């Protein structure tokens, strides 16, 4: 949070290097897997509300939930592993997998209209057990805003969760990076 506040501060309040090389009006957060969850929650934080965060890019976010959603397969070994990992990491979570840190669309989660950024991109992968949750999140953000403008969903076909880390030079990884770069550059 401290680093994000520093990056979003007006140039006069930051160090000379950032004032010369950065533009606080063009700050994006990006994270993959659990890092996508972290970016979502930073963008929801009340301290960022009026700070001018331009956007977030959630790449294969690790969103989950207690009950399957439309399109999502019933509990299978991969989804049981996701649920079990969350319960291990946060055993104190009262709502289990519907804890807002894991499921930002759960009934107990803060409203997505509180997302303090102008643009949202959600990247999912066809072979990722988490893709339905990423799609649901993108749709929920668009509904909360009343428009699909500035909410983009991109699905990589034929690949799985964080595939680009395992094979960064493959064509699908380049395609994903190009889509993200275009999203960040576009006004």
N, C-alpha and C. Protein backbone atom coordinates (compact mmCIF):
# COMPACT_ATOMS: atom_id res chain seq x y z
N UNK A 1 0.83 -1.18 0.00
CA UNK A 1 0.00 0.00 0.00
C UNK A 1 0.88 1.25 0.00
N UNK A 2 1.95 1.22 0.79
CA UNK A 2 2.84 2.38 0.85
C UNK A 2 3.47 2.66 -0.51
N UNK A 3 3.90 1.61 -1.20
CA UNK A 3 4.52 1.79 -2.52
C UNK A 3 3.51 2.34 -3.52
N UNK A 4 2.29 1.84 -3.47
CA UNK A 4 1.25 2.32 -4.38
C UNK A 4 0.92 3.78 -4.11
N UNK A 5 0.79 4.15 -2.86
CA UNK A 5 0.53 5.56 -2.52
C UNK A 5 1.67 6.44 -3.01
N UNK A 6 2.90 5.97 -2.86
CA UNK A 6 4.06 6.73 -3.32
C UNK A 6 3.99 6.93 -4.83
N UNK A 7 3.67 5.87 -5.58
CA UNK A 7 3.62 5.97 -7.04
C UNK A 7 2.47 6.86 -7.51
N UNK A 8 1.39 6.91 -6.75
CA UNK A 8 0.23 7.71 -7.15
C UNK A 8 0.28 9.16 -6.67
N UNK A 9 1.26 9.47 -5.83
CA UNK A 9 1.35 10.82 -5.28
C UNK A 9 1.65 11.83 -6.40
N UNK A 10 1.15 13.06 -6.26
CA UNK A 10 1.48 14.09 -7.25
C UNK A 10 3.00 14.25 -7.35
N UNK A 11 3.48 14.58 -8.53
CA UNK A 11 4.93 14.67 -8.78
C UNK A 11 5.66 15.52 -7.75
N UNK A 12 5.03 16.59 -7.29
CA UNK A 12 5.70 17.47 -6.34
C UNK A 12 5.96 16.78 -5.00
N UNK A 13 5.20 15.73 -4.70
CA UNK A 13 5.34 15.05 -3.42
C UNK A 13 6.27 13.83 -3.50
N UNK A 14 6.69 13.47 -4.69
CA UNK A 14 7.53 12.28 -4.86
C UNK A 14 8.98 12.67 -5.04
N UNK A 15 9.82 11.68 -5.17
CA UNK A 15 11.23 11.97 -5.36
C UNK A 15 11.49 12.48 -6.77
N UNK A 16 12.62 13.13 -7.00
CA UNK A 16 12.92 13.74 -8.30
C UNK A 16 12.94 12.73 -9.46
N UNK A 17 13.42 11.52 -9.20
CA UNK A 17 13.47 10.53 -10.27
C UNK A 17 12.06 10.20 -10.75
N UNK A 18 11.15 9.94 -9.83
CA UNK A 18 9.79 9.61 -10.22
C UNK A 18 9.12 10.79 -10.92
N UNK A 19 9.37 11.99 -10.44
CA UNK A 19 8.79 13.18 -11.07
C UNK A 19 9.29 13.32 -12.51
N UNK A 20 10.53 12.96 -12.77
CA UNK A 20 11.10 13.09 -14.12
C UNK A 20 10.71 11.94 -15.05
N UNK A 21 10.47 10.76 -14.49
CA UNK A 21 10.27 9.59 -15.34
C UNK A 21 8.90 8.93 -15.23
N UNK A 22 8.11 9.30 -14.26
CA UNK A 22 6.82 8.64 -14.07
C UNK A 22 5.66 9.57 -14.30
N UNK A 23 4.51 8.99 -14.48
CA UNK A 23 3.29 9.75 -14.66
C UNK A 23 2.25 9.13 -13.72
N UNK A 24 1.97 9.77 -12.58
CA UNK A 24 1.03 9.18 -11.63
C UNK A 24 -0.38 9.03 -12.18
N UNK A 25 -0.67 9.66 -13.30
CA UNK A 25 -1.99 9.52 -13.91
C UNK A 25 -2.09 8.27 -14.79
N UNK A 26 -0.99 7.52 -14.92
CA UNK A 26 -0.98 6.33 -15.78
C UNK A 26 -0.53 5.08 -15.03
N UNK A 27 -0.80 5.01 -13.74
CA UNK A 27 -0.38 3.86 -12.94
C UNK A 27 -1.40 2.73 -13.07
N UNK A 28 -0.89 1.55 -13.41
CA UNK A 28 -1.68 0.33 -13.47
C UNK A 28 -1.09 -0.67 -12.49
N UNK A 29 -1.94 -1.48 -11.90
CA UNK A 29 -1.52 -2.62 -11.11
C UNK A 29 -1.72 -3.86 -11.97
N UNK A 30 -0.80 -4.80 -11.89
CA UNK A 30 -0.96 -6.05 -12.62
C UNK A 30 -0.43 -7.17 -11.75
N UNK A 31 -1.12 -8.30 -11.76
CA UNK A 31 -0.68 -9.45 -11.01
C UNK A 31 -1.29 -10.72 -11.56
N UNK A 32 -0.56 -11.82 -11.40
CA UNK A 32 -1.09 -13.09 -11.86
C UNK A 32 -1.37 -14.02 -10.69
N UNK A 33 -2.35 -14.87 -10.88
CA UNK A 33 -2.78 -15.84 -9.89
C UNK A 33 -3.14 -15.12 -8.59
N UNK A 34 -2.54 -15.47 -7.47
CA UNK A 34 -2.85 -14.78 -6.21
C UNK A 34 -2.47 -13.30 -6.28
N UNK A 35 -1.51 -12.95 -7.13
CA UNK A 35 -1.16 -11.54 -7.33
C UNK A 35 -2.32 -10.76 -7.94
N UNK A 36 -3.17 -11.43 -8.72
CA UNK A 36 -4.38 -10.79 -9.24
C UNK A 36 -5.32 -10.44 -8.11
N UNK A 37 -5.45 -11.35 -7.13
CA UNK A 37 -6.28 -11.07 -5.96
C UNK A 37 -5.72 -9.86 -5.20
N UNK A 38 -4.42 -9.81 -5.04
CA UNK A 38 -3.79 -8.70 -4.33
C UNK A 38 -4.08 -7.38 -5.05
N UNK A 39 -3.95 -7.37 -6.37
CA UNK A 39 -4.22 -6.14 -7.14
C UNK A 39 -5.68 -5.72 -6.98
N UNK A 40 -6.59 -6.69 -7.03
CA UNK A 40 -8.01 -6.37 -6.83
C UNK A 40 -8.21 -5.70 -5.48
N UNK A 41 -7.65 -6.27 -4.44
CA UNK A 41 -7.89 -5.74 -3.09
C UNK A 41 -7.20 -4.40 -2.86
N UNK A 42 -6.05 -4.18 -3.49
CA UNK A 42 -5.43 -2.85 -3.42
C UNK A 42 -6.33 -1.82 -4.09
N UNK A 43 -6.89 -2.18 -5.24
CA UNK A 43 -7.76 -1.24 -5.97
C UNK A 43 -9.09 -1.01 -5.24
N UNK A 44 -9.45 -1.88 -4.32
CA UNK A 44 -10.67 -1.72 -3.53
C UNK A 44 -10.42 -0.95 -2.23
N UNK A 45 -9.18 -0.76 -1.89
CA UNK A 45 -8.84 -0.15 -0.59
C UNK A 45 -9.31 1.31 -0.55
N UNK A 46 -9.94 1.72 0.55
CA UNK A 46 -10.44 3.10 0.65
C UNK A 46 -9.36 4.17 0.50
N UNK A 47 -8.12 3.87 0.89
CA UNK A 47 -7.05 4.85 0.77
C UNK A 47 -6.69 5.16 -0.68
N UNK A 48 -7.12 4.33 -1.61
CA UNK A 48 -6.80 4.52 -3.03
C UNK A 48 -7.96 5.18 -3.77
N UNK A 49 -9.11 5.26 -3.14
CA UNK A 49 -10.34 5.72 -3.77
C UNK A 49 -10.14 6.95 -4.67
N UNK A 50 -9.53 7.97 -4.19
CA UNK A 50 -9.37 9.20 -4.98
C UNK A 50 -7.93 9.47 -5.39
N UNK A 51 -7.11 8.43 -5.41
CA UNK A 51 -5.69 8.61 -5.69
C UNK A 51 -5.37 8.63 -7.18
N UNK A 52 -6.29 8.21 -8.03
CA UNK A 52 -6.05 8.29 -9.47
C UNK A 52 -5.46 7.05 -10.10
N UNK A 53 -5.69 5.88 -9.52
CA UNK A 53 -5.21 4.63 -10.13
C UNK A 53 -5.88 4.47 -11.49
N UNK A 54 -5.09 4.30 -12.52
CA UNK A 54 -5.63 4.22 -13.89
C UNK A 54 -6.32 2.88 -14.15
N UNK A 55 -5.68 1.78 -13.72
CA UNK A 55 -6.31 0.50 -14.02
C UNK A 55 -5.65 -0.68 -13.34
N UNK A 56 -6.30 -1.83 -13.51
CA UNK A 56 -5.76 -3.09 -13.01
C UNK A 56 -5.82 -4.12 -14.13
N UNK A 57 -4.82 -5.00 -14.13
CA UNK A 57 -4.78 -6.13 -15.04
C UNK A 57 -4.64 -7.38 -14.18
N UNK A 58 -5.68 -8.20 -14.17
CA UNK A 58 -5.69 -9.42 -13.38
C UNK A 58 -5.48 -10.59 -14.33
N UNK A 59 -4.34 -11.25 -14.19
CA UNK A 59 -3.95 -12.33 -15.09
C UNK A 59 -4.16 -13.65 -14.36
N UNK A 60 -5.12 -14.41 -14.82
CA UNK A 60 -5.46 -15.70 -14.22
C UNK A 60 -5.66 -15.57 -12.71
N UNK A 61 -6.53 -14.64 -12.29
CA UNK A 61 -6.70 -14.42 -10.85
C UNK A 61 -7.17 -15.69 -10.13
N UNK A 62 -6.74 -15.82 -8.89
CA UNK A 62 -7.03 -17.01 -8.09
C UNK A 62 -8.33 -16.81 -7.31
N UNK A 63 -9.39 -16.50 -8.03
CA UNK A 63 -10.70 -16.34 -7.41
C UNK A 63 -11.36 -17.71 -7.31
N UNK A 64 -12.09 -17.91 -6.24
CA UNK A 64 -12.77 -19.17 -6.02
C UNK A 64 -14.06 -18.90 -5.28
N UNK A 65 -14.80 -19.92 -4.94
CA UNK A 65 -16.03 -19.76 -4.18
C UNK A 65 -16.51 -21.08 -3.63
N UNK A 66 -17.41 -20.99 -2.72
CA UNK A 66 -17.92 -22.19 -2.04
C UNK A 66 -18.69 -23.09 -3.00
N UNK A 67 -19.57 -22.50 -3.81
CA UNK A 67 -20.43 -23.29 -4.70
C UNK A 67 -20.02 -23.07 -6.15
N UNK A 68 -20.13 -24.13 -6.98
CA UNK A 68 -19.82 -23.96 -8.41
C UNK A 68 -20.74 -22.92 -9.05
N UNK A 69 -20.21 -22.24 -10.06
CA UNK A 69 -20.98 -21.25 -10.81
C UNK A 69 -21.26 -21.83 -12.20
N UNK A 70 -22.18 -21.25 -12.97
CA UNK A 70 -22.47 -21.79 -14.30
C UNK A 70 -21.20 -21.92 -15.14
N UNK A 71 -21.06 -23.10 -15.75
CA UNK A 71 -19.91 -23.38 -16.60
C UNK A 71 -18.76 -24.05 -15.85
N UNK A 72 -18.68 -23.78 -14.57
CA UNK A 72 -17.58 -24.34 -13.76
C UNK A 72 -17.86 -25.81 -13.48
N UNK A 73 -16.86 -26.66 -13.65
CA UNK A 73 -17.10 -28.08 -13.37
C UNK A 73 -17.32 -28.31 -11.88
N UNK A 74 -18.05 -29.39 -11.55
CA UNK A 74 -18.21 -29.70 -10.13
C UNK A 74 -16.85 -30.00 -9.51
N UNK A 75 -16.82 -30.06 -8.19
CA UNK A 75 -15.54 -30.31 -7.51
C UNK A 75 -14.86 -31.53 -8.11
N UNK A 76 -13.64 -31.31 -8.55
CA UNK A 76 -12.80 -32.37 -9.09
C UNK A 76 -11.47 -32.28 -8.36
N UNK A 77 -10.51 -33.15 -8.65
CA UNK A 77 -9.24 -33.07 -7.90
C UNK A 77 -8.57 -31.69 -7.94
N UNK A 78 -8.59 -31.02 -9.11
CA UNK A 78 -7.95 -29.70 -9.21
C UNK A 78 -8.70 -28.66 -8.39
N UNK A 79 -10.03 -28.67 -8.45
CA UNK A 79 -10.78 -27.67 -7.69
C UNK A 79 -10.75 -27.98 -6.19
N UNK A 80 -10.72 -29.24 -5.82
CA UNK A 80 -10.58 -29.60 -4.39
C UNK A 80 -9.23 -29.10 -3.87
N UNK A 81 -8.21 -29.18 -4.71
CA UNK A 81 -6.89 -28.70 -4.32
C UNK A 81 -6.92 -27.18 -4.09
N UNK A 82 -7.60 -26.44 -4.97
CA UNK A 82 -7.72 -24.98 -4.81
C UNK A 82 -8.41 -24.65 -3.50
N UNK A 83 -9.53 -25.30 -3.26
CA UNK A 83 -10.31 -25.07 -2.04
C UNK A 83 -9.47 -25.42 -0.81
N UNK A 84 -8.80 -26.56 -0.85
CA UNK A 84 -7.97 -26.99 0.28
C UNK A 84 -6.81 -26.06 0.54
N UNK A 85 -6.20 -25.55 -0.53
CA UNK A 85 -5.08 -24.62 -0.37
C UNK A 85 -5.55 -23.34 0.31
N UNK A 86 -6.71 -22.81 -0.12
CA UNK A 86 -7.25 -21.59 0.50
C UNK A 86 -7.53 -21.83 1.98
N UNK A 87 -8.17 -22.94 2.29
CA UNK A 87 -8.49 -23.23 3.69
C UNK A 87 -7.23 -23.42 4.54
N UNK A 88 -6.15 -23.90 3.92
CA UNK A 88 -4.87 -24.03 4.62
C UNK A 88 -4.24 -22.66 4.86
N UNK A 89 -4.27 -21.81 3.84
CA UNK A 89 -3.64 -20.49 3.93
C UNK A 89 -4.41 -19.57 4.89
N UNK A 90 -5.71 -19.64 4.86
CA UNK A 90 -6.55 -18.76 5.69
C UNK A 90 -7.57 -19.57 6.48
N UNK A 91 -7.12 -20.36 7.44
CA UNK A 91 -8.07 -21.20 8.19
C UNK A 91 -9.07 -20.39 9.00
N UNK A 92 -8.75 -19.13 9.27
CA UNK A 92 -9.65 -18.29 10.06
C UNK A 92 -10.77 -17.67 9.24
N UNK A 93 -10.76 -17.87 7.93
CA UNK A 93 -11.78 -17.28 7.06
C UNK A 93 -13.16 -17.80 7.44
N UNK A 94 -14.00 -16.92 7.94
CA UNK A 94 -15.33 -17.29 8.41
C UNK A 94 -16.17 -17.86 7.28
N UNK A 95 -16.08 -17.27 6.10
CA UNK A 95 -16.90 -17.70 4.97
C UNK A 95 -16.21 -18.76 4.11
N UNK A 96 -15.07 -19.29 4.57
CA UNK A 96 -14.35 -20.29 3.78
C UNK A 96 -13.97 -19.73 2.42
N UNK A 97 -14.30 -20.49 1.37
CA UNK A 97 -13.95 -20.07 0.01
C UNK A 97 -14.77 -18.87 -0.47
N UNK A 98 -15.79 -18.47 0.28
CA UNK A 98 -16.54 -17.26 -0.07
C UNK A 98 -16.02 -16.03 0.67
N UNK A 99 -14.88 -16.17 1.32
CA UNK A 99 -14.21 -15.02 1.93
C UNK A 99 -13.94 -14.01 0.81
N UNK A 100 -14.21 -12.72 1.01
CA UNK A 100 -14.01 -11.72 -0.05
C UNK A 100 -12.58 -11.67 -0.61
N UNK A 101 -11.59 -12.13 0.17
CA UNK A 101 -10.22 -12.16 -0.36
C UNK A 101 -10.09 -13.19 -1.46
N UNK A 102 -10.91 -14.21 -1.42
CA UNK A 102 -10.88 -15.29 -2.40
C UNK A 102 -12.00 -15.16 -3.42
N UNK A 103 -13.14 -14.64 -2.99
CA UNK A 103 -14.31 -14.55 -3.86
C UNK A 103 -14.87 -13.12 -3.82
N UNK A 104 -14.37 -12.24 -4.70
CA UNK A 104 -14.84 -10.85 -4.69
C UNK A 104 -16.27 -10.67 -5.19
N UNK A 105 -16.91 -11.76 -5.64
CA UNK A 105 -18.31 -11.67 -6.05
C UNK A 105 -19.24 -12.33 -5.04
N UNK A 106 -18.72 -12.76 -3.90
CA UNK A 106 -19.54 -13.37 -2.85
C UNK A 106 -20.50 -12.33 -2.28
N UNK A 107 -21.64 -12.77 -1.76
CA UNK A 107 -22.59 -11.83 -1.17
C UNK A 107 -21.99 -10.95 -0.07
N UNK A 108 -21.01 -11.47 0.67
CA UNK A 108 -20.41 -10.70 1.76
C UNK A 108 -19.28 -9.77 1.30
N UNK A 109 -18.92 -9.83 0.03
CA UNK A 109 -17.81 -9.01 -0.49
C UNK A 109 -18.26 -7.56 -0.70
N UNK A 110 -17.34 -6.61 -0.54
CA UNK A 110 -17.68 -5.21 -0.85
C UNK A 110 -18.10 -5.09 -2.32
N UNK A 111 -18.98 -4.16 -2.60
CA UNK A 111 -19.46 -3.96 -3.96
C UNK A 111 -18.36 -3.58 -4.93
N UNK A 112 -18.39 -4.16 -6.11
CA UNK A 112 -17.36 -3.88 -7.11
C UNK A 112 -17.46 -2.47 -7.67
N UNK A 113 -18.53 -1.74 -7.35
CA UNK A 113 -18.59 -0.33 -7.73
C UNK A 113 -17.57 0.48 -6.93
N UNK A 114 -16.98 -0.11 -5.90
CA UNK A 114 -15.93 0.55 -5.11
C UNK A 114 -14.54 0.37 -5.70
N UNK A 115 -14.43 -0.29 -6.83
CA UNK A 115 -13.14 -0.50 -7.47
C UNK A 115 -12.60 0.85 -7.94
N UNK A 116 -11.50 1.28 -7.36
CA UNK A 116 -11.00 2.65 -7.56
C UNK A 116 -10.02 2.75 -8.73
N UNK A 117 -10.48 2.40 -9.91
CA UNK A 117 -9.66 2.56 -11.11
C UNK A 117 -10.58 2.75 -12.29
N UNK A 118 -10.03 3.28 -13.36
CA UNK A 118 -10.83 3.56 -14.54
C UNK A 118 -11.00 2.33 -15.43
N UNK A 119 -9.95 1.51 -15.53
CA UNK A 119 -9.95 0.40 -16.48
C UNK A 119 -9.65 -0.91 -15.76
N UNK A 120 -10.27 -1.98 -16.26
CA UNK A 120 -10.07 -3.31 -15.69
C UNK A 120 -9.88 -4.30 -16.83
N UNK A 121 -8.82 -5.09 -16.76
CA UNK A 121 -8.62 -6.17 -17.72
C UNK A 121 -8.48 -7.46 -16.93
N UNK A 122 -9.21 -8.48 -17.37
CA UNK A 122 -9.12 -9.81 -16.76
C UNK A 122 -8.68 -10.77 -17.84
N UNK A 123 -7.59 -11.47 -17.59
CA UNK A 123 -7.07 -12.47 -18.53
C UNK A 123 -7.30 -13.85 -17.94
N UNK A 124 -7.87 -14.74 -18.74
CA UNK A 124 -8.11 -16.11 -18.30
C UNK A 124 -7.52 -17.05 -19.35
N UNK A 125 -7.40 -18.32 -18.98
CA UNK A 125 -6.89 -19.32 -19.90
C UNK A 125 -7.89 -20.45 -20.03
N UNK A 126 -8.10 -20.92 -21.25
CA UNK A 126 -9.10 -21.94 -21.53
C UNK A 126 -8.91 -23.19 -20.67
N UNK A 127 -7.69 -23.60 -20.42
CA UNK A 127 -7.43 -24.82 -19.67
C UNK A 127 -7.25 -24.61 -18.18
N UNK A 128 -7.63 -23.47 -17.67
CA UNK A 128 -7.46 -23.13 -16.25
C UNK A 128 -8.77 -23.37 -15.50
N UNK A 129 -8.72 -24.13 -14.43
CA UNK A 129 -9.92 -24.41 -13.64
C UNK A 129 -10.49 -23.11 -13.04
N UNK A 130 -9.71 -22.04 -13.00
CA UNK A 130 -10.14 -20.76 -12.43
C UNK A 130 -10.79 -19.82 -13.46
N UNK A 131 -10.81 -20.20 -14.72
CA UNK A 131 -11.24 -19.25 -15.76
C UNK A 131 -12.68 -18.78 -15.60
N UNK A 132 -13.58 -19.64 -15.13
CA UNK A 132 -14.98 -19.23 -14.98
C UNK A 132 -15.11 -18.13 -13.94
N UNK A 133 -14.31 -18.19 -12.89
CA UNK A 133 -14.35 -17.14 -11.85
C UNK A 133 -13.82 -15.82 -12.40
N UNK A 134 -12.78 -15.89 -13.23
CA UNK A 134 -12.27 -14.66 -13.86
C UNK A 134 -13.30 -14.03 -14.77
N UNK A 135 -13.99 -14.86 -15.54
CA UNK A 135 -15.05 -14.35 -16.42
C UNK A 135 -16.18 -13.74 -15.61
N UNK A 136 -16.59 -14.44 -14.55
CA UNK A 136 -17.65 -13.93 -13.68
C UNK A 136 -17.27 -12.57 -13.09
N UNK A 137 -16.02 -12.44 -12.67
CA UNK A 137 -15.53 -11.18 -12.10
C UNK A 137 -15.64 -10.05 -13.14
N UNK A 138 -15.17 -10.29 -14.36
CA UNK A 138 -15.22 -9.25 -15.40
C UNK A 138 -16.67 -8.84 -15.66
N UNK A 139 -17.57 -9.81 -15.74
CA UNK A 139 -18.99 -9.50 -15.95
C UNK A 139 -19.56 -8.71 -14.77
N UNK A 140 -19.18 -9.09 -13.56
CA UNK A 140 -19.69 -8.41 -12.36
C UNK A 140 -19.18 -6.97 -12.29
N UNK A 141 -17.93 -6.73 -12.67
CA UNK A 141 -17.40 -5.36 -12.70
C UNK A 141 -18.18 -4.53 -13.71
N UNK A 142 -18.41 -5.09 -14.89
CA UNK A 142 -19.17 -4.36 -15.92
C UNK A 142 -20.58 -4.04 -15.42
N UNK A 143 -21.23 -5.00 -14.77
CA UNK A 143 -22.58 -4.75 -14.22
C UNK A 143 -22.54 -3.67 -13.15
N UNK A 144 -21.54 -3.73 -12.28
CA UNK A 144 -21.44 -2.74 -11.20
C UNK A 144 -21.23 -1.34 -11.76
N UNK A 145 -20.55 -1.24 -12.89
CA UNK A 145 -20.31 0.06 -13.52
C UNK A 145 -21.42 0.47 -14.46
N UNK A 146 -22.28 -0.47 -14.79
CA UNK A 146 -23.37 -0.18 -15.71
C UNK A 146 -22.92 -0.10 -17.16
N UNK A 147 -21.71 -0.57 -17.45
CA UNK A 147 -21.18 -0.53 -18.81
C UNK A 147 -20.02 -1.51 -18.95
N UNK A 148 -19.85 -1.99 -20.18
CA UNK A 148 -18.69 -2.83 -20.46
C UNK A 148 -17.49 -1.99 -20.90
N UNK A 149 -17.71 -0.69 -21.08
CA UNK A 149 -16.63 0.21 -21.48
C UNK A 149 -15.54 0.16 -20.41
N UNK A 150 -14.32 0.05 -20.82
CA UNK A 150 -13.15 0.01 -19.93
C UNK A 150 -13.07 -1.24 -19.07
N UNK A 151 -13.83 -2.29 -19.43
CA UNK A 151 -13.69 -3.61 -18.81
C UNK A 151 -13.42 -4.59 -19.95
N UNK A 152 -12.25 -5.21 -19.93
CA UNK A 152 -11.88 -6.11 -21.02
C UNK A 152 -11.58 -7.50 -20.47
N UNK A 153 -12.10 -8.50 -21.16
CA UNK A 153 -11.84 -9.90 -20.85
C UNK A 153 -11.08 -10.49 -22.02
N UNK A 154 -9.96 -11.15 -21.72
CA UNK A 154 -9.18 -11.81 -22.78
C UNK A 154 -8.93 -13.25 -22.37
N UNK A 155 -9.28 -14.18 -23.26
CA UNK A 155 -9.07 -15.60 -22.97
C UNK A 155 -8.03 -16.18 -23.92
N UNK A 156 -6.99 -16.77 -23.37
CA UNK A 156 -5.99 -17.47 -24.15
C UNK A 156 -6.48 -18.90 -24.38
N UNK A 157 -6.52 -19.33 -25.62
CA UNK A 157 -7.06 -20.65 -25.95
C UNK A 157 -5.97 -21.72 -25.92
N UNK A 158 -6.37 -22.91 -25.46
CA UNK A 158 -5.49 -24.07 -25.52
C UNK A 158 -4.34 -24.09 -24.52
N UNK A 159 -4.41 -23.25 -23.50
CA UNK A 159 -3.33 -23.20 -22.51
C UNK A 159 -3.92 -23.18 -21.11
N UNK A 160 -3.07 -23.36 -20.10
CA UNK A 160 -3.53 -23.43 -18.73
C UNK A 160 -3.05 -22.28 -17.87
N UNK A 161 -3.26 -22.44 -16.58
CA UNK A 161 -2.95 -21.41 -15.58
C UNK A 161 -1.48 -20.97 -15.67
N UNK A 162 -1.26 -19.68 -15.73
CA UNK A 162 0.05 -19.00 -15.83
C UNK A 162 1.01 -19.71 -16.79
N UNK A 163 0.49 -20.14 -17.93
CA UNK A 163 1.27 -20.84 -18.95
C UNK A 163 2.49 -20.04 -19.40
N UNK A 164 2.38 -18.73 -19.43
CA UNK A 164 3.43 -17.85 -19.93
C UNK A 164 4.67 -17.87 -19.05
N UNK A 165 4.52 -18.26 -17.79
CA UNK A 165 5.70 -18.39 -16.92
C UNK A 165 6.49 -19.64 -17.26
N UNK A 166 5.80 -20.67 -17.70
CA UNK A 166 6.44 -21.94 -18.03
C UNK A 166 7.06 -21.92 -19.42
N UNK A 167 6.43 -21.21 -20.33
CA UNK A 167 6.92 -21.12 -21.71
C UNK A 167 6.79 -19.68 -22.21
N UNK A 168 7.65 -18.78 -21.72
CA UNK A 168 7.48 -17.36 -22.04
C UNK A 168 7.72 -16.98 -23.51
N UNK A 169 8.35 -17.84 -24.28
CA UNK A 169 8.62 -17.48 -25.68
C UNK A 169 7.59 -18.05 -26.64
N UNK A 170 6.62 -18.80 -26.15
CA UNK A 170 5.61 -19.34 -27.06
C UNK A 170 4.70 -18.23 -27.59
N UNK A 171 4.07 -18.49 -28.71
CA UNK A 171 3.24 -17.49 -29.38
C UNK A 171 2.08 -17.00 -28.51
N UNK A 172 1.46 -17.90 -27.75
CA UNK A 172 0.35 -17.52 -26.88
C UNK A 172 0.81 -16.54 -25.79
N UNK A 173 2.03 -16.70 -25.30
CA UNK A 173 2.56 -15.77 -24.29
C UNK A 173 2.77 -14.39 -24.90
N UNK A 174 3.29 -14.36 -26.12
CA UNK A 174 3.47 -13.08 -26.82
C UNK A 174 2.12 -12.41 -27.07
N UNK A 175 1.14 -13.21 -27.48
CA UNK A 175 -0.20 -12.67 -27.73
C UNK A 175 -0.78 -12.05 -26.46
N UNK A 176 -0.64 -12.74 -25.33
CA UNK A 176 -1.13 -12.22 -24.05
C UNK A 176 -0.43 -10.91 -23.70
N UNK A 177 0.88 -10.87 -23.80
CA UNK A 177 1.63 -9.66 -23.49
C UNK A 177 1.22 -8.50 -24.40
N UNK A 178 1.03 -8.79 -25.69
CA UNK A 178 0.61 -7.75 -26.63
C UNK A 178 -0.77 -7.19 -26.26
N UNK A 179 -1.70 -8.07 -25.86
CA UNK A 179 -3.04 -7.63 -25.46
C UNK A 179 -2.96 -6.73 -24.22
N UNK A 180 -2.15 -7.13 -23.26
CA UNK A 180 -2.00 -6.33 -22.04
C UNK A 180 -1.38 -4.98 -22.37
N UNK A 181 -0.33 -4.98 -23.19
CA UNK A 181 0.34 -3.72 -23.55
C UNK A 181 -0.63 -2.78 -24.27
N UNK A 182 -1.44 -3.31 -25.17
CA UNK A 182 -2.41 -2.48 -25.89
C UNK A 182 -3.44 -1.90 -24.91
N UNK A 183 -3.91 -2.73 -23.98
CA UNK A 183 -4.88 -2.28 -22.98
C UNK A 183 -4.31 -1.13 -22.14
N UNK A 184 -3.08 -1.26 -21.72
CA UNK A 184 -2.45 -0.23 -20.88
C UNK A 184 -2.21 1.04 -21.67
N UNK A 185 -1.83 0.92 -22.93
CA UNK A 185 -1.52 2.11 -23.75
C UNK A 185 -2.76 2.84 -24.22
N UNK A 186 -3.88 2.16 -24.39
CA UNK A 186 -5.09 2.76 -24.94
C UNK A 186 -5.75 3.70 -23.94
N UNK A 187 -6.07 4.88 -24.39
CA UNK A 187 -6.74 5.87 -23.52
C UNK A 187 -8.17 5.55 -23.29
